[in-house]
Amino acid sequence: MYSVIVHINNEEPVLAEVEVLPAEGANIVTLQNPRRRDGQEVHYLDEETTTMIVPLHRINFIQVMPSAETEDVIGFVRE
């Protein structure tokens, strides 16, 4: 699972998880557990919504957040 922030046209960004990143030629993105970046519910979704399918033509861009394993990697170290 990847944690992503999806920037939808004319809407607040949505934080969610995806099983796979969209492939070249994909038309939709399936988001699981959609919520606002602050954890609040998305105002245009029903409270019980667990999966949201968004067409790619409505998305400006998708940010892929680093996983827990990636955060443990040490970058450049200055002595």
C-alpha atoms as a PDB file:
ATOM      1  CA  MET A   1       0.000   0.000   0.000  1.00  0.00           C
ATOM      2  CA  TYR A   2       1.120   3.507  -0.821  1.00  0.00           C
ATOM      3  CA  SER A   3       0.029   6.628   1.056  1.00  0.00           C
ATOM      4  CA  VAL A   4      -0.764   9.393  -1.422  1.00  0.00           C
ATOM      5  CA  ILE A   5      -2.058  12.936  -1.502  1.00  0.00           C
ATOM      6  CA  VAL A   6      -4.307  13.434  -4.516  1.00  0.00           C
ATOM      7  CA  HIS A   7      -4.822  16.989  -5.778  1.00  0.00           C
ATOM      8  CA  ILE A   8      -8.233  17.021  -7.471  1.00  0.00           C
ATOM      9  CA  ASN A   9      -9.248  19.966  -9.683  1.00  0.00           C
ATOM     10  CA  ASN A  10     -11.012  22.715  -7.676  1.00  0.00           C
ATOM     11  CA  GLU A  11     -11.084  20.648  -4.446  1.00  0.00           C
ATOM     12  CA  GLU A  12      -9.032  20.266  -1.283  1.00  0.00           C
ATOM     13  CA  PRO A  13      -6.265  17.630  -1.508  1.00  0.00           C
ATOM     14  CA  VAL A  14      -7.291  14.138  -0.391  1.00  0.00           C
ATOM     15  CA  LEU A  15      -5.037  11.865   1.657  1.00  0.00           C
ATOM     16  CA  ALA A  16      -5.608   8.160   0.961  1.00  0.00           C
ATOM     17  CA  GLU A  17      -3.998   4.790   0.360  1.00  0.00           C
ATOM     18  CA  VAL A  18      -3.694   2.986  -2.973  1.00  0.00           C
ATOM     19  CA  GLU A  19      -2.708  -0.628  -3.570  1.00  0.00           C
ATOM     20  CA  VAL A  20      -0.924   0.166  -6.848  1.00  0.00           C
ATOM     21  CA  LEU A  21       0.134   3.407  -8.458  1.00  0.00           C
ATOM     22  CA  PRO A  22      -1.689   4.281 -11.686  1.00  0.00           C
ATOM     23  CA  ALA A  23      -0.027   2.762 -14.741  1.00  0.00           C
ATOM     24  CA  GLU A  24       0.530   4.506 -18.044  1.00  0.00           C
ATOM     25  CA  GLY A  25      -2.771   4.526 -19.900  1.00  0.00           C
ATOM     26  CA  ALA A  26      -4.883   4.222 -16.732  1.00  0.00           C
ATOM     27  CA  ASN A  27      -8.180   6.118 -16.644  1.00  0.00           C
ATOM     28  CA  ILE A  28      -8.996   5.947 -12.929  1.00  0.00           C
ATOM     29  CA  VAL A  29      -7.372   5.850  -9.500  1.00  0.00           C
ATOM     30  CA  THR A  30      -8.964   3.836  -6.686  1.00  0.00           C
ATOM     31  CA  LEU A  31      -8.428   5.508  -3.305  1.00  0.00           C
ATOM     32  CA  GLN A  32      -8.981   3.701  -0.030  1.00  0.00           C
ATOM     33  CA  ASN A  33      -9.780   5.482   3.233  1.00  0.00           C
ATOM     34  CA  PRO A  34     -10.076   8.978   1.656  1.00  0.00           C
ATOM     35  CA  ARG A  35      -9.773  11.889   4.086  1.00  0.00           C
ATOM     36  CA  ARG A  36      -8.523  15.455   4.194  1.00  0.00           C
ATOM     37  CA  ARG A  37      -4.881  16.071   5.034  1.00  0.00           C
ATOM     38  CA  ASP A  38      -5.837  16.997   8.606  1.00  0.00           C
ATOM     39  CA  GLY A  39      -7.707  13.679   9.040  1.00  0.00           C
ATOM     40  CA  GLN A  40     -11.196  15.170   8.795  1.00  0.00           C
ATOM     41  CA  GLU A  41     -13.820  13.660   6.481  1.00  0.00           C
ATOM     42  CA  VAL A  42     -14.099  14.878   2.903  1.00  0.00           C
ATOM     43  CA  HIS A  43     -17.191  17.131   2.800  1.00  0.00           C
ATOM     44  CA  TYR A  44     -18.588  15.768  -0.488  1.00  0.00           C
ATOM     45  CA  LEU A  45     -18.343  12.084   0.537  1.00  0.00           C
ATOM     46  CA  ASP A  46     -20.760  10.134   2.709  1.00  0.00           C
ATOM     47  CA  GLU A  47     -19.419   9.280   6.192  1.00  0.00           C
ATOM     48  CA  GLU A  48     -19.379   5.522   5.490  1.00  0.00           C
ATOM     49  CA  THR A  49     -17.310   5.825   2.298  1.00  0.00           C
ATOM     50  CA  THR A  50     -14.210   3.627   2.368  1.00  0.00           C
ATOM     51  CA  THR A  51     -13.285   3.606  -1.339  1.00  0.00           C
ATOM     52  CA  MET A  52     -13.326   6.467  -3.844  1.00  0.00           C
ATOM     53  CA  ILE A  53     -12.749   6.088  -7.590  1.00  0.00           C
ATOM     54  CA  VAL A  54     -11.480   9.238  -9.309  1.00  0.00           C
ATOM     55  CA  PRO A  55     -10.999   9.671 -13.076  1.00  0.00           C
ATOM     56  CA  LEU A  56      -7.452  10.778 -13.910  1.00  0.00           C
ATOM     57  CA  HIS A  57      -8.653  13.726 -16.006  1.00  0.00           C
ATOM     58  CA  ARG A  58      -9.909  15.328 -12.737  1.00  0.00           C
ATOM     59  CA  ILE A  59      -6.523  15.004 -10.993  1.00  0.00           C
ATOM     60  CA  ASN A  60      -3.810  17.681 -11.210  1.00  0.00           C
ATOM     61  CA  PHE A  61      -1.107  15.517  -9.638  1.00  0.00           C
ATOM     62  CA  ILE A  62      -0.501  12.773  -7.067  1.00  0.00           C
ATOM     63  CA  GLN A  63       2.095  12.965  -4.285  1.00  0.00           C
ATOM     64  CA  VAL A  64       3.465   9.610  -3.119  1.00  0.00           C
ATOM     65  CA  MET A  65       4.402   9.824   0.545  1.00  0.00           C
ATOM     66  CA  PRO A  66       7.518   8.033   1.835  1.00  0.00           C
ATOM     67  CA  SER A  67       6.955   4.739   3.597  1.00  0.00           C
ATOM     68  CA  ALA A  68       8.265   3.963   7.097  1.00  0.00           C
ATOM     69  CA  GLU A  69      11.204   1.987   5.640  1.00  0.00           C
ATOM     70  CA  THR A  70      12.226   4.916   3.431  1.00  0.00           C
ATOM     71  CA  GLU A  71      12.227   7.363   6.334  1.00  0.00           C
ATOM     72  CA  ASP A  72      14.870   5.264   8.126  1.00  0.00           C
ATOM     73  CA  VAL A  73      17.382   5.733   5.287  1.00  0.00           C
ATOM     74  CA  ILE A  74      20.028   8.302   6.175  1.00  0.00           C
ATOM     75  CA  GLY A  75      20.660  10.899   3.499  1.00  0.00           C
ATOM     76  CA  PHE A  76      23.634  13.211   3.187  1.00  0.00           C
ATOM     77  CA  VAL A  77      25.493  13.686   6.445  1.00  0.00           C
ATOM     78  CA  ARG A  78      27.615  16.726   7.057  1.00  0.00           C
ATOM     79  CA  GLU A  79      30.476  16.384   9.487  1.00  0.00           C
END
